[in-house]
Amino acid sequence: MSLVTPWQGSDKALFGGNVKYTNAHNGYIAEGTQPDRSTWFWITDRELRFRDDGKHYDYPSKSLFGVEIPHGLSYVGEPDPPPVIPAGTLVRVSLARWWKPPNADESCPLRCFVQLSGWF
């Protein structure tokens, strides 16, 4: 039997620390910073709250000025999402397909968004 060691801690533990965030606070990996895997498990150190948009879970992160800025993970799971996933929960995270906005200019790199698809 093979066991995996999940990432643990803040969202900085995800995908080699290469997750960036859009202006809408949603996590992605930029082209050129591809991690060694596209799916893994994470034990979060903070609770994840389901965003009012009905599409994302937010990891609370603090800015340099102490202001809480949510870092969003798209929710793509099957069961109805609970409003809160408690800290210490094992969650499954993955990367979506490579994409860029249809109206983006050529200098905009491809990106793949970080997704949360389950919890255990």
PDB file of N, CA and C in Angstrom:
ATOM      1  N   MET A   1       0.845  -1.174   0.000  1.00  0.00           N
ATOM      2  CA  MET A   1       0.000   0.000   0.000  1.00  0.00           C
ATOM      3  C   MET A   1       0.890   1.236   0.000  1.00  0.00           C
ATOM      4  N   SER A   2       0.516   2.233  -0.762  1.00  0.00           N
ATOM      5  CA  SER A   2       1.278   3.468  -0.868  1.00  0.00           C
ATOM      6  C   SER A   2       0.523   4.588  -0.150  1.00  0.00           C
ATOM      7  N   LEU A   3       1.249   5.386   0.577  1.00  0.00           N
ATOM      8  CA  LEU A   3       0.652   6.519   1.280  1.00  0.00           C
ATOM      9  C   LEU A   3       1.186   7.817   0.692  1.00  0.00           C
ATOM     10  N   VAL A   4       0.366   8.857   0.749  1.00  0.00           N
ATOM     11  CA  VAL A   4       0.806  10.171   0.291  1.00  0.00           C
ATOM     12  C   VAL A   4       0.968  11.067   1.511  1.00  0.00           C
ATOM     13  N   THR A   5       1.832  12.032   1.383  1.00  0.00           N
ATOM     14  CA  THR A   5       2.005  13.025   2.431  1.00  0.00           C
ATOM     15  C   THR A   5       1.368  14.317   1.941  1.00  0.00           C
ATOM     16  N   PRO A   6       0.255  14.741   2.524  1.00  0.00           N
ATOM     17  CA  PRO A   6      -0.413  15.952   2.044  1.00  0.00           C
ATOM     18  C   PRO A   6       0.400  17.201   2.389  1.00  0.00           C
ATOM     19  N   TRP A   7       0.163  18.241   1.589  1.00  0.00           N
ATOM     20  CA  TRP A   7       0.708  19.544   1.946  1.00  0.00           C
ATOM     21  C   TRP A   7      -0.007  19.996   3.213  1.00  0.00           C
ATOM     22  N   GLN A   8       0.679  20.764   4.046  1.00  0.00           N
ATOM     23  CA  GLN A   8       0.065  21.260   5.279  1.00  0.00           C
ATOM     24  C   GLN A   8       0.379  22.734   5.455  1.00  0.00           C
ATOM     25  N   GLY A   9      -0.551  23.443   6.084  1.00  0.00           N
ATOM     26  CA  GLY A   9      -0.321  24.841   6.419  1.00  0.00           C
ATOM     27  C   GLY A   9      -1.120  25.788   5.568  1.00  0.00           C
ATOM     28  N   SER A  10      -0.527  26.927   5.261  1.00  0.00           N
ATOM     29  CA  SER A  10      -1.220  27.992   4.541  1.00  0.00           C
ATOM     30  C   SER A  10      -1.339  27.664   3.061  1.00  0.00           C
ATOM     31  N   ASP A  11      -1.983  28.539   2.326  1.00  0.00           N
ATOM     32  CA  ASP A  11      -2.113  28.350   0.882  1.00  0.00           C
ATOM     33  C   ASP A  11      -0.769  28.472   0.173  1.00  0.00           C
ATOM     34  N   LYS A  12       0.251  28.947   0.845  1.00  0.00           N
ATOM     35  CA  LYS A  12       1.590  29.008   0.262  1.00  0.00           C
ATOM     36  C   LYS A  12       2.185  27.615   0.082  1.00  0.00           C
ATOM     37  N   ALA A  13       1.609  26.602   0.735  1.00  0.00           N
ATOM     38  CA  ALA A  13       2.076  25.221   0.598  1.00  0.00           C
ATOM     39  C   ALA A  13       1.606  24.586  -0.711  1.00  0.00           C
ATOM     40  N   LEU A  14       0.637  25.197  -1.387  1.00  0.00           N
ATOM     41  CA  LEU A  14       0.053  24.605  -2.585  1.00  0.00           C
ATOM     42  C   LEU A  14       0.960  24.745  -3.804  1.00  0.00           C
ATOM     43  N   PHE A  15       1.132  23.654  -4.513  1.00  0.00           N
ATOM     44  CA  PHE A  15       1.817  23.638  -5.804  1.00  0.00           C
ATOM     45  C   PHE A  15       3.161  24.363  -5.786  1.00  0.00           C
ATOM     46  N   GLY A  16       3.955  24.022  -4.802  1.00  0.00           N
ATOM     47  CA  GLY A  16       5.317  24.550  -4.722  1.00  0.00           C
ATOM     48  C   GLY A  16       5.406  26.029  -4.413  1.00  0.00           C
ATOM     49  N   GLY A  17       4.336  26.600  -3.881  1.00  0.00           N
ATOM     50  CA  GLY A  17       4.339  28.032  -3.552  1.00  0.00           C
ATOM     51  C   GLY A  17       4.192  28.933  -4.765  1.00  0.00           C
ATOM     52  N   ASN A  18       3.770  28.372  -5.891  1.00  0.00           N
ATOM     53  CA  ASN A  18       3.667  29.141  -7.141  1.00  0.00           C
ATOM     54  C   ASN A  18       2.277  29.693  -7.431  1.00  0.00           C
ATOM     55  N   VAL A  19       1.353  29.606  -6.482  1.00  0.00           N
ATOM     56  CA  VAL A  19       0.001  30.114  -6.718  1.00  0.00           C
ATOM     57  C   VAL A  19       0.015  31.637  -6.628  1.00  0.00           C
ATOM     58  N   LYS A  20      -0.524  32.268  -7.659  1.00  0.00           N
ATOM     59  CA  LYS A  20      -0.719  33.729  -7.683  1.00  0.00           C
ATOM     60  C   LYS A  20      -2.221  33.971  -7.616  1.00  0.00           C
ATOM     61  N   TYR A  21      -2.615  35.224  -7.434  1.00  0.00           N
ATOM     62  CA  TYR A  21      -4.034  35.535  -7.295  1.00  0.00           C
ATOM     63  C   TYR A  21      -4.429  36.669  -8.234  1.00  0.00           C
ATOM     64  N   THR A  22      -5.595  36.521  -8.852  1.00  0.00           N
ATOM     65  CA  THR A  22      -6.123  37.540  -9.757  1.00  0.00           C
ATOM     66  C   THR A  22      -6.614  38.734  -8.941  1.00  0.00           C
ATOM     67  N   ASN A  23      -7.022  39.778  -9.631  1.00  0.00           N
ATOM     68  CA  ASN A  23      -7.618  40.940  -8.947  1.00  0.00           C
ATOM     69  C   ASN A  23      -8.920  40.572  -8.248  1.00  0.00           C
ATOM     70  N   ALA A  24      -9.563  39.489  -8.705  1.00  0.00           N
ATOM     71  CA  ALA A  24     -10.781  38.992  -8.060  1.00  0.00           C
ATOM     72  C   ALA A  24     -10.451  37.994  -6.950  1.00  0.00           C
ATOM     73  N   HIS A  25      -9.145  37.843  -6.635  1.00  0.00           N
ATOM     74  CA  HIS A  25      -8.658  37.016  -5.518  1.00  0.00           C
ATOM     75  C   HIS A  25      -8.776  35.518  -5.755  1.00  0.00           C
ATOM     76  N   ASN A  26      -8.691  35.075  -7.006  1.00  0.00           N
ATOM     77  CA  ASN A  26      -8.790  33.658  -7.304  1.00  0.00           C
ATOM     78  C   ASN A  26      -7.420  33.096  -7.678  1.00  0.00           C
ATOM     79  N   GLY A  27      -7.077  31.938  -7.098  1.00  0.00           N
ATOM     80  CA  GLY A  27      -5.753  31.356  -7.258  1.00  0.00           C
ATOM     81  C   GLY A  27      -5.532  30.685  -8.601  1.00  0.00           C
ATOM     82  N   TYR A  28      -4.320  30.865  -9.134  1.00  0.00           N
ATOM     83  CA  TYR A  28      -3.948  30.240 -10.398  1.00  0.00           C
ATOM     84  C   TYR A  28      -2.440  29.999 -10.441  1.00  0.00           C
ATOM     85  N   ILE A  29      -2.034  29.148 -11.358  1.00  0.00           N
ATOM     86  CA  ILE A  29      -0.632  28.904 -11.672  1.00  0.00           C
ATOM     87  C   ILE A  29      -0.392  29.512 -13.043  1.00  0.00           C
ATOM     88  N   ALA A  30       0.644  30.325 -13.164  1.00  0.00           N
ATOM     89  CA  ALA A  30       0.955  30.958 -14.446  1.00  0.00           C
ATOM     90  C   ALA A  30       1.823  30.036 -15.299  1.00  0.00           C
ATOM     91  N   GLU A  31       1.684  30.187 -16.600  1.00  0.00           N
ATOM     92  CA  GLU A  31       2.515  29.446 -17.538  1.00  0.00           C
ATOM     93  C   GLU A  31       3.989  29.694 -17.194  1.00  0.00           C
ATOM     94  N   GLY A  32       4.774  28.642 -17.222  1.00  0.00           N
ATOM     95  CA  GLY A  32       6.195  28.764 -16.899  1.00  0.00           C
ATOM     96  C   GLY A  32       6.523  28.409 -15.459  1.00  0.00           C
ATOM     97  N   THR A  33       5.490  28.226 -14.628  1.00  0.00           N
ATOM     98  CA  THR A  33       5.715  27.840 -13.225  1.00  0.00           C
ATOM     99  C   THR A  33       4.984  26.538 -12.907  1.00  0.00           C
ATOM    100  N   GLN A  34       4.947  25.644 -13.887  1.00  0.00           N
ATOM    101  CA  GLN A  34       4.219  24.398 -13.711  1.00  0.00           C
ATOM    102  C   GLN A  34       4.805  23.576 -12.570  1.00  0.00           C
ATOM    103  N   PRO A  35       3.943  23.122 -11.670  1.00  0.00           N
ATOM    104  CA  PRO A  35       4.395  22.269 -10.566  1.00  0.00           C
ATOM    105  C   PRO A  35       4.625  20.836 -11.037  1.00  0.00           C
ATOM    106  N   ASP A  36       5.109  20.002 -10.150  1.00  0.00           N
ATOM    107  CA  ASP A  36       5.403  18.609 -10.502  1.00  0.00           C
ATOM    108  C   ASP A  36       4.167  17.714 -10.481  1.00  0.00           C
ATOM    109  N   ARG A  37       3.026  18.252 -10.119  1.00  0.00           N
ATOM    110  CA  ARG A  37       1.771  17.482 -10.124  1.00  0.00           C
ATOM    111  C   ARG A  37       0.600  18.438 -10.301  1.00  0.00           C
ATOM    112  N   SER A  38      -0.528  17.895 -10.753  1.00  0.00           N
ATOM    113  CA  SER A  38      -1.702  18.737 -10.975  1.00  0.00           C
ATOM    114  C   SER A  38      -2.821  18.460  -9.977  1.00  0.00           C
ATOM    115  N   THR A  39      -2.663  17.421  -9.163  1.00  0.00           N
ATOM    116  CA  THR A  39      -3.663  17.062  -8.155  1.00  0.00           C
ATOM    117  C   THR A  39      -2.927  16.595  -6.907  1.00  0.00           C
ATOM    118  N   TRP A  40      -3.420  17.031  -5.741  1.00  0.00           N
ATOM    119  CA  TRP A  40      -2.810  16.582  -4.497  1.00  0.00           C
ATOM    120  C   TRP A  40      -3.781  16.841  -3.355  1.00  0.00           C
ATOM    121  N   PHE A  41      -3.301  16.630  -2.149  1.00  0.00           N
ATOM    122  CA  PHE A  41      -4.114  16.799  -0.951  1.00  0.00           C
ATOM    123  C   PHE A  41      -3.459  17.836  -0.047  1.00  0.00           C
ATOM    124  N   TRP A  42      -4.293  18.560   0.697  1.00  0.00           N
ATOM    125  CA  TRP A  42      -3.824  19.663   1.534  1.00  0.00           C
ATOM    126  C   TRP A  42      -4.597  19.640   2.843  1.00  0.00           C
ATOM    127  N   ILE A  43      -3.882  19.803   3.938  1.00  0.00           N
ATOM    128  CA  ILE A  43      -4.504  20.007   5.243  1.00  0.00           C
ATOM    129  C   ILE A  43      -4.346  21.487   5.555  1.00  0.00           C
ATOM    130  N   THR A  44      -5.453  22.201   5.486  1.00  0.00           N
ATOM    131  CA  THR A  44      -5.411  23.650   5.660  1.00  0.00           C
ATOM    132  C   THR A  44      -5.274  24.030   7.135  1.00  0.00           C
ATOM    133  N   ASP A  45      -4.558  25.102   7.374  1.00  0.00           N
ATOM    134  CA  ASP A  45      -4.376  25.580   8.752  1.00  0.00           C
ATOM    135  C   ASP A  45      -5.448  26.577   9.178  1.00  0.00           C
ATOM    136  N   ARG A  46      -6.305  26.970   8.263  1.00  0.00           N
ATOM    137  CA  ARG A  46      -7.402  27.901   8.566  1.00  0.00           C
ATOM    138  C   ARG A  46      -8.685  27.372   7.937  1.00  0.00           C
ATOM    139  N   GLU A  47      -9.804  27.829   8.445  1.00  0.00           N
ATOM    140  CA  GLU A  47     -11.067  27.392   7.853  1.00  0.00           C
ATOM    141  C   GLU A  47     -11.235  28.034   6.481  1.00  0.00           C
ATOM    142  N   LEU A  48     -11.911  27.297   5.608  1.00  0.00           N
ATOM    143  CA  LEU A  48     -12.242  27.792   4.279  1.00  0.00           C
ATOM    144  C   LEU A  48     -13.721  28.132   4.272  1.00  0.00           C
ATOM    145  N   ARG A  49     -14.061  29.318   3.811  1.00  0.00           N
ATOM    146  CA  ARG A  49     -15.461  29.768   3.791  1.00  0.00           C
ATOM    147  C   ARG A  49     -15.956  29.833   2.357  1.00  0.00           C
ATOM    148  N   PHE A  50     -17.177  29.312   2.158  1.00  0.00           N
ATOM    149  CA  PHE A  50     -17.768  29.341   0.821  1.00  0.00           C
ATOM    150  C   PHE A  50     -18.199  30.761   0.502  1.00  0.00           C
ATOM    151  N   ARG A  51     -17.737  31.272  -0.607  1.00  0.00           N
ATOM    152  CA  ARG A  51     -17.996  32.652  -1.025  1.00  0.00           C
ATOM    153  C   ARG A  51     -19.441  32.810  -1.484  1.00  0.00           C
ATOM    154  N   ASP A  52     -19.972  34.007  -1.344  1.00  0.00           N
ATOM    155  CA  ASP A  52     -21.349  34.309  -1.757  1.00  0.00           C
ATOM    156  C   ASP A  52     -21.583  34.107  -3.254  1.00  0.00           C
ATOM    157  N   ASP A  53     -20.521  34.057  -4.059  1.00  0.00           N
ATOM    158  CA  ASP A  53     -20.706  33.867  -5.501  1.00  0.00           C
ATOM    159  C   ASP A  53     -21.125  32.438  -5.843  1.00  0.00           C
ATOM    160  N   GLY A  54     -21.099  31.525  -4.853  1.00  0.00           N
ATOM    161  CA  GLY A  54     -21.506  30.148  -5.077  1.00  0.00           C
ATOM    162  C   GLY A  54     -20.533  29.337  -5.913  1.00  0.00           C
ATOM    163  N   LYS A  55     -19.286  29.829  -6.078  1.00  0.00           N
ATOM    164  CA  LYS A  55     -18.307  29.155  -6.934  1.00  0.00           C
ATOM    165  C   LYS A  55     -16.949  28.940  -6.281  1.00  0.00           C
ATOM    166  N   HIS A  56     -16.666  29.613  -5.180  1.00  0.00           N
ATOM    167  CA  HIS A  56     -15.318  29.594  -4.605  1.00  0.00           C
ATOM    168  C   HIS A  56     -15.327  29.406  -3.087  1.00  0.00           C
ATOM    169  N   TYR A  57     -14.270  28.756  -2.614  1.00  0.00           N
ATOM    170  CA  TYR A  57     -13.944  28.759  -1.194  1.00  0.00           C
ATOM    171  C   TYR A  57     -12.829  29.770  -0.993  1.00  0.00           C
ATOM    172  N   ASP A  58     -12.900  30.515   0.091  1.00  0.00           N
ATOM    173  CA  ASP A  58     -11.876  31.512   0.393  1.00  0.00           C
ATOM    174  C   ASP A  58     -11.020  31.085   1.568  1.00  0.00           C
ATOM    175  N   TYR A  59      -9.711  31.189   1.364  1.00  0.00           N
ATOM    176  CA  TYR A  59      -8.733  31.014   2.429  1.00  0.00           C
ATOM    177  C   TYR A  59      -8.403  32.412   2.920  1.00  0.00           C
ATOM    178  N   PRO A  60      -8.568  32.704   4.223  1.00  0.00           N
ATOM    179  CA  PRO A  60      -8.295  34.058   4.715  1.00  0.00           C
ATOM    180  C   PRO A  60      -6.787  34.303   4.810  1.00  0.00           C
ATOM    181  N   SER A  61      -6.339  35.350   4.182  1.00  0.00           N
ATOM    182  CA  SER A  61      -4.921  35.689   4.195  1.00  0.00           C
ATOM    183  C   SER A  61      -4.788  37.162   4.561  1.00  0.00           C
ATOM    184  N   LYS A  62      -3.731  37.513   5.245  1.00  0.00           N
ATOM    185  CA  LYS A  62      -3.536  38.910   5.655  1.00  0.00           C
ATOM    186  C   LYS A  62      -2.536  39.589   4.743  1.00  0.00           C
ATOM    187  N   SER A  63      -2.809  40.846   4.407  1.00  0.00           N
ATOM    188  CA  SER A  63      -1.897  41.633   3.590  1.00  0.00           C
ATOM    189  C   SER A  63      -0.817  42.236   4.480  1.00  0.00           C
ATOM    190  N   LEU A  64       0.080  42.977   3.882  1.00  0.00           N
ATOM    191  CA  LEU A  64       1.146  43.640   4.633  1.00  0.00           C
ATOM    192  C   LEU A  64       0.599  44.601   5.679  1.00  0.00           C
ATOM    193  N   PHE A  65      -0.585  45.118   5.447  1.00  0.00           N
ATOM    194  CA  PHE A  65      -1.176  46.095   6.359  1.00  0.00           C
ATOM    195  C   PHE A  65      -2.163  45.474   7.336  1.00  0.00           C
ATOM    196  N   GLY A  66      -2.189  44.143   7.427  1.00  0.00           N
ATOM    197  CA  GLY A  66      -3.048  43.461   8.373  1.00  0.00           C
ATOM    198  C   GLY A  66      -4.488  43.308   7.928  1.00  0.00           C
ATOM    199  N   VAL A  67      -4.798  43.680   6.697  1.00  0.00           N
ATOM    200  CA  VAL A  67      -6.148  43.563   6.171  1.00  0.00           C
ATOM    201  C   VAL A  67      -6.333  42.152   5.628  1.00  0.00           C
ATOM    202  N   GLU A  68      -7.468  41.525   5.946  1.00  0.00           N
ATOM    203  CA  GLU A  68      -7.731  40.181   5.448  1.00  0.00           C
ATOM    204  C   GLU A  68      -8.158  40.236   3.991  1.00  0.00           C
ATOM    205  N   ILE A  69      -7.431  39.511   3.154  1.00  0.00           N
ATOM    206  CA  ILE A  69      -7.723  39.414   1.726  1.00  0.00           C
ATOM    207  C   ILE A  69      -8.040  37.939   1.443  1.00  0.00           C
ATOM    208  N   PRO A  70      -9.205  37.625   0.903  1.00  0.00           N
ATOM    209  CA  PRO A  70      -9.499  36.217   0.637  1.00  0.00           C
ATOM    210  C   PRO A  70      -8.692  35.704  -0.554  1.00  0.00           C
ATOM    211  N   HIS A  71      -8.221  34.479  -0.446  1.00  0.00           N
ATOM    212  CA  HIS A  71      -7.560  33.795  -1.552  1.00  0.00           C
ATOM    213  C   HIS A  71      -8.488  32.675  -1.982  1.00  0.00           C
ATOM    214  N   GLY A  72      -9.064  32.789  -3.177  1.00  0.00           N
ATOM    215  CA  GLY A  72     -10.119  31.892  -3.615  1.00  0.00           C
ATOM    216  C   GLY A  72      -9.647  30.663  -4.352  1.00  0.00           C
ATOM    217  N   LEU A  73     -10.369  29.563  -4.102  1.00  0.00           N
ATOM    218  CA  LEU A  73     -10.190  28.297  -4.799  1.00  0.00           C
ATOM    219  C   LEU A  73     -11.538  27.944  -5.417  1.00  0.00           C
ATOM    220  N   SER A  74     -11.569  27.705  -6.722  1.00  0.00           N
ATOM    221  CA  SER A  74     -12.815  27.312  -7.379  1.00  0.00           C
ATOM    222  C   SER A  74     -13.309  25.998  -6.794  1.00  0.00           C
ATOM    223  N   TYR A  75     -14.613  25.889  -6.568  1.00  0.00           N
ATOM    224  CA  TYR A  75     -15.174  24.643  -6.072  1.00  0.00           C
ATOM    225  C   TYR A  75     -15.771  23.871  -7.240  1.00  0.00           C
ATOM    226  N   VAL A  76     -15.286  22.643  -7.452  1.00  0.00           N
ATOM    227  CA  VAL A  76     -15.763  21.818  -8.559  1.00  0.00           C
ATOM    228  C   VAL A  76     -16.243  20.449  -8.082  1.00  0.00           C
ATOM    229  N   GLY A  77     -16.528  20.306  -6.807  1.00  0.00           N
ATOM    230  CA  GLY A  77     -16.948  19.016  -6.252  1.00  0.00           C
ATOM    231  C   GLY A  77     -18.392  18.684  -6.539  1.00  0.00           C
ATOM    232  N   GLU A  78     -18.750  17.453  -6.265  1.00  0.00           N
ATOM    233  CA  GLU A  78     -20.103  16.949  -6.476  1.00  0.00           C
ATOM    234  C   GLU A  78     -21.069  17.302  -5.350  1.00  0.00           C
ATOM    235  N   PRO A  79     -20.706  17.045  -4.091  1.00  0.00           N
ATOM    236  CA  PRO A  79     -21.708  17.317  -3.047  1.00  0.00           C
ATOM    237  C   PRO A  79     -21.943  18.818  -2.884  1.00  0.00           C
ATOM    238  N   ASP A  80     -23.112  19.136  -2.354  1.00  0.00           N
ATOM    239  CA  ASP A  80     -23.376  20.538  -2.043  1.00  0.00           C
ATOM    240  C   ASP A  80     -22.320  21.020  -1.061  1.00  0.00           C
ATOM    241  N   PRO A  81     -21.751  22.194  -1.309  1.00  0.00           N
ATOM    242  CA  PRO A  81     -20.672  22.676  -0.454  1.00  0.00           C
ATOM    243  C   PRO A  81     -21.175  23.155   0.903  1.00  0.00           C
ATOM    244  N   PRO A  82     -20.503  22.755   1.979  1.00  0.00           N
ATOM    245  CA  PRO A  82     -20.863  23.311   3.281  1.00  0.00           C
ATOM    246  C   PRO A  82     -20.390  24.760   3.351  1.00  0.00           C
ATOM    247  N   PRO A  83     -20.993  25.577   4.191  1.00  0.00           N
ATOM    248  CA  PRO A  83     -20.582  26.975   4.278  1.00  0.00           C
ATOM    249  C   PRO A  83     -19.147  27.147   4.780  1.00  0.00           C
ATOM    250  N   VAL A  84     -18.683  26.194   5.604  1.00  0.00           N
ATOM    251  CA  VAL A  84     -17.330  26.281   6.164  1.00  0.00           C
ATOM    252  C   VAL A  84     -16.694  24.892   6.145  1.00  0.00           C
ATOM    253  N   ILE A  85     -15.437  24.839   5.709  1.00  0.00           N
ATOM    254  CA  ILE A  85     -14.619  23.635   5.859  1.00  0.00           C
ATOM    255  C   ILE A  85     -13.640  23.962   6.981  1.00  0.00           C
ATOM    256  N   PRO A  86     -13.698  23.232   8.104  1.00  0.00           N
ATOM    257  CA  PRO A  86     -12.881  23.591   9.269  1.00  0.00           C
ATOM    258  C   PRO A  86     -11.378  23.456   9.019  1.00  0.00           C
ATOM    259  N   ALA A  87     -10.601  24.249   9.735  1.00  0.00           N
ATOM    260  CA  ALA A  87      -9.143  24.101   9.727  1.00  0.00           C
ATOM    261  C   ALA A  87      -8.811  22.675  10.123  1.00  0.00           C
ATOM    262  N   GLY A  88      -7.742  22.131   9.544  1.00  0.00           N
ATOM    263  CA  GLY A  88      -7.331  20.773   9.854  1.00  0.00           C
ATOM    264  C   GLY A  88      -7.988  19.710   9.000  1.00  0.00           C
ATOM    265  N   THR A  89      -8.872  20.119   8.077  1.00  0.00           N
ATOM    266  CA  THR A  89      -9.550  19.176   7.198  1.00  0.00           C
ATOM    267  C   THR A  89      -8.654  18.848   6.007  1.00  0.00           C
ATOM    268  N   LEU A  90      -8.641  17.582   5.612  1.00  0.00           N
ATOM    269  CA  LEU A  90      -7.933  17.154   4.411  1.00  0.00           C
ATOM    270  C   LEU A  90      -8.807  17.476   3.211  1.00  0.00           C
ATOM    271  N   VAL A  91      -8.287  18.265   2.262  1.00  0.00           N
ATOM    272  CA  VAL A  91      -9.032  18.609   1.052  1.00  0.00           C
ATOM    273  C   VAL A  91      -8.235  18.182  -0.173  1.00  0.00           C
ATOM    274  N   ARG A  92      -8.948  17.935  -1.253  1.00  0.00           N
ATOM    275  CA  ARG A  92      -8.318  17.587  -2.523  1.00  0.00           C
ATOM    276  C   ARG A  92      -8.283  18.843  -3.378  1.00  0.00           C
ATOM    277  N   VAL A  93      -7.092  19.187  -3.875  1.00  0.00           N
ATOM    278  CA  VAL A  93      -6.927  20.349  -4.749  1.00  0.00           C
ATOM    279  C   VAL A  93      -6.363  19.885  -6.089  1.00  0.00           C
ATOM    280  N   SER A  94      -6.714  20.605  -7.136  1.00  0.00           N
ATOM    281  CA  SER A  94      -6.234  20.261  -8.469  1.00  0.00           C
ATOM    282  C   SER A  94      -6.140  21.531  -9.303  1.00  0.00           C
ATOM    283  N   LEU A  95      -5.598  21.386 -10.499  1.00  0.00           N
ATOM    284  CA  LEU A  95      -5.476  22.505 -11.424  1.00  0.00           C
ATOM    285  C   LEU A  95      -6.411  22.296 -12.608  1.00  0.00           C
ATOM    286  N   ALA A  96      -7.066  23.365 -13.029  1.00  0.00           N
ATOM    287  CA  ALA A  96      -7.951  23.325 -14.193  1.00  0.00           C
ATOM    288  C   ALA A  96      -7.101  23.330 -15.473  1.00  0.00           C
ATOM    289  N   ARG A  97      -7.745  23.293 -16.609  1.00  0.00           N
ATOM    290  CA  ARG A  97      -7.044  23.373 -17.903  1.00  0.00           C
ATOM    291  C   ARG A  97      -6.406  24.743 -18.077  1.00  0.00           C
ATOM    292  N   TRP A  98      -5.371  24.787 -18.926  1.00  0.00           N
ATOM    293  CA  TRP A  98      -4.731  26.061 -19.266  1.00  0.00           C
ATOM    294  C   TRP A  98      -5.727  26.947 -19.992  1.00  0.00           C
ATOM    295  N   TRP A  99      -5.689  28.254 -19.676  1.00  0.00           N
ATOM    296  CA  TRP A  99      -6.711  29.181 -20.170  1.00  0.00           C
ATOM    297  C   TRP A  99      -6.183  30.603 -20.095  1.00  0.00           C
ATOM    298  N   LYS A 100      -6.721  31.479 -20.902  1.00  0.00           N
ATOM    299  CA  LYS A 100      -6.555  32.926 -20.717  1.00  0.00           C
ATOM    300  C   LYS A 100      -7.807  33.614 -21.214  1.00  0.00           C
ATOM    301  N   PRO A 101      -8.080  34.812 -20.711  1.00  0.00           N
ATOM    302  CA  PRO A 101      -9.312  35.497 -21.111  1.00  0.00           C
ATOM    303  C   PRO A 101      -9.373  35.673 -22.627  1.00  0.00           C
ATOM    304  N   PRO A 102     -10.559  35.524 -23.210  1.00  0.00           N
ATOM    305  CA  PRO A 102     -10.678  35.614 -24.668  1.00  0.00           C
ATOM    306  C   PRO A 102     -10.260  36.967 -25.231  1.00  0.00           C
ATOM    307  N   ASN A 103     -10.387  38.033 -24.460  1.00  0.00           N
ATOM    308  CA  ASN A 103     -10.042  39.367 -24.950  1.00  0.00           C
ATOM    309  C   ASN A 103      -8.632  39.802 -24.529  1.00  0.00           C
ATOM    310  N   ALA A 104      -7.837  38.869 -23.992  1.00  0.00           N
ATOM    311  CA  ALA A 104      -6.491  39.208 -23.519  1.00  0.00           C
ATOM    312  C   ALA A 104      -5.546  39.418 -24.694  1.00  0.00           C
ATOM    313  N   ASP A 105      -4.577  40.326 -24.498  1.00  0.00           N
ATOM    314  CA  ASP A 105      -3.585  40.527 -25.551  1.00  0.00           C
ATOM    315  C   ASP A 105      -2.542  39.409 -25.509  1.00  0.00           C
ATOM    316  N   GLU A 106      -1.669  39.396 -26.479  1.00  0.00           N
ATOM    317  CA  GLU A 106      -0.698  38.316 -26.620  1.00  0.00           C
ATOM    318  C   GLU A 106       0.258  38.200 -25.435  1.00  0.00           C
ATOM    319  N   SER A 107       0.486  39.291 -24.713  1.00  0.00           N
ATOM    320  CA  SER A 107       1.432  39.251 -23.595  1.00  0.00           C
ATOM    321  C   SER A 107       0.856  38.570 -22.351  1.00  0.00           C
ATOM    322  N   CYS A 108      -0.444  38.320 -22.339  1.00  0.00           N
ATOM    323  CA  CYS A 108      -1.086  37.667 -21.194  1.00  0.00           C
ATOM    324  C   CYS A 108      -0.727  36.184 -21.216  1.00  0.00           C
ATOM    325  N   PRO A 109      -0.069  35.676 -20.155  1.00  0.00           N
ATOM    326  CA  PRO A 109       0.295  34.260 -20.147  1.00  0.00           C
ATOM    327  C   PRO A 109      -0.918  33.364 -19.894  1.00  0.00           C
ATOM    328  N   LEU A 110      -0.807  32.137 -20.360  1.00  0.00           N
ATOM    329  CA  LEU A 110      -1.812  31.142 -20.017  1.00  0.00           C
ATOM    330  C   LEU A 110      -1.771  30.901 -18.517  1.00  0.00           C
ATOM    331  N   ARG A 111      -2.879  30.457 -17.969  1.00  0.00           N
ATOM    332  CA  ARG A 111      -2.948  30.149 -16.539  1.00  0.00           C
ATOM    333  C   ARG A 111      -3.898  28.987 -16.325  1.00  0.00           C
ATOM    334  N   CYS A 112      -3.721  28.302 -15.216  1.00  0.00           N
ATOM    335  CA  CYS A 112      -4.698  27.289 -14.827  1.00  0.00           C
ATOM    336  C   CYS A 112      -5.097  27.570 -13.380  1.00  0.00           C
ATOM    337  N   PHE A 113      -6.382  27.576 -13.143  1.00  0.00           N
ATOM    338  CA  PHE A 113      -6.905  27.946 -11.830  1.00  0.00           C
ATOM    339  C   PHE A 113      -6.854  26.784 -10.857  1.00  0.00           C
ATOM    340  N   VAL A 114      -6.670  27.122  -9.588  1.00  0.00           N
ATOM    341  CA  VAL A 114      -6.638  26.128  -8.512  1.00  0.00           C
ATOM    342  C   VAL A 114      -8.084  25.786  -8.138  1.00  0.00           C
ATOM    343  N   GLN A 115      -8.360  24.497  -8.012  1.00  0.00           N
ATOM    344  CA  GLN A 115      -9.699  24.014  -7.718  1.00  0.00           C
ATOM    345  C   GLN A 115      -9.694  23.179  -6.448  1.00  0.00           C
ATOM    346  N   LEU A 116     -10.781  23.244  -5.727  1.00  0.00           N
ATOM    347  CA  LEU A 116     -11.016  22.364  -4.575  1.00  0.00           C
ATOM    348  C   LEU A 116     -12.139  21.430  -4.992  1.00  0.00           C
ATOM    349  N   SER A 117     -11.905  20.106  -4.870  1.00  0.00           N
ATOM    350  CA  SER A 117     -12.923  19.180  -5.360  1.00  0.00           C
ATOM    351  C   SER A 117     -13.460  18.217  -4.312  1.00  0.00           C
ATOM    352  N   GLY A 118     -12.954  18.278  -3.119  1.00  0.00           N
ATOM    353  CA  GLY A 118     -13.488  17.394  -2.091  1.00  0.00           C
ATOM    354  C   GLY A 118     -12.798  17.597  -0.760  1.00  0.00           C
ATOM    355  N   TRP A 119     -13.390  17.027   0.283  1.00  0.00           N
ATOM    356  CA  TRP A 119     -12.829  17.111   1.625  1.00  0.00           C
ATOM    357  C   TRP A 119     -13.110  15.789   2.318  1.00  0.00           C
ATOM    358  N   PHE A 120     -12.277  15.481   3.312  1.00  0.00           N
ATOM    359  CA  PHE A 120     -12.379  14.175   3.967  1.00  0.00           C
ATOM    360  C   PHE A 120     -12.291  14.324   5.485  1.00  0.00           C
TER     361      PHE A 120
END
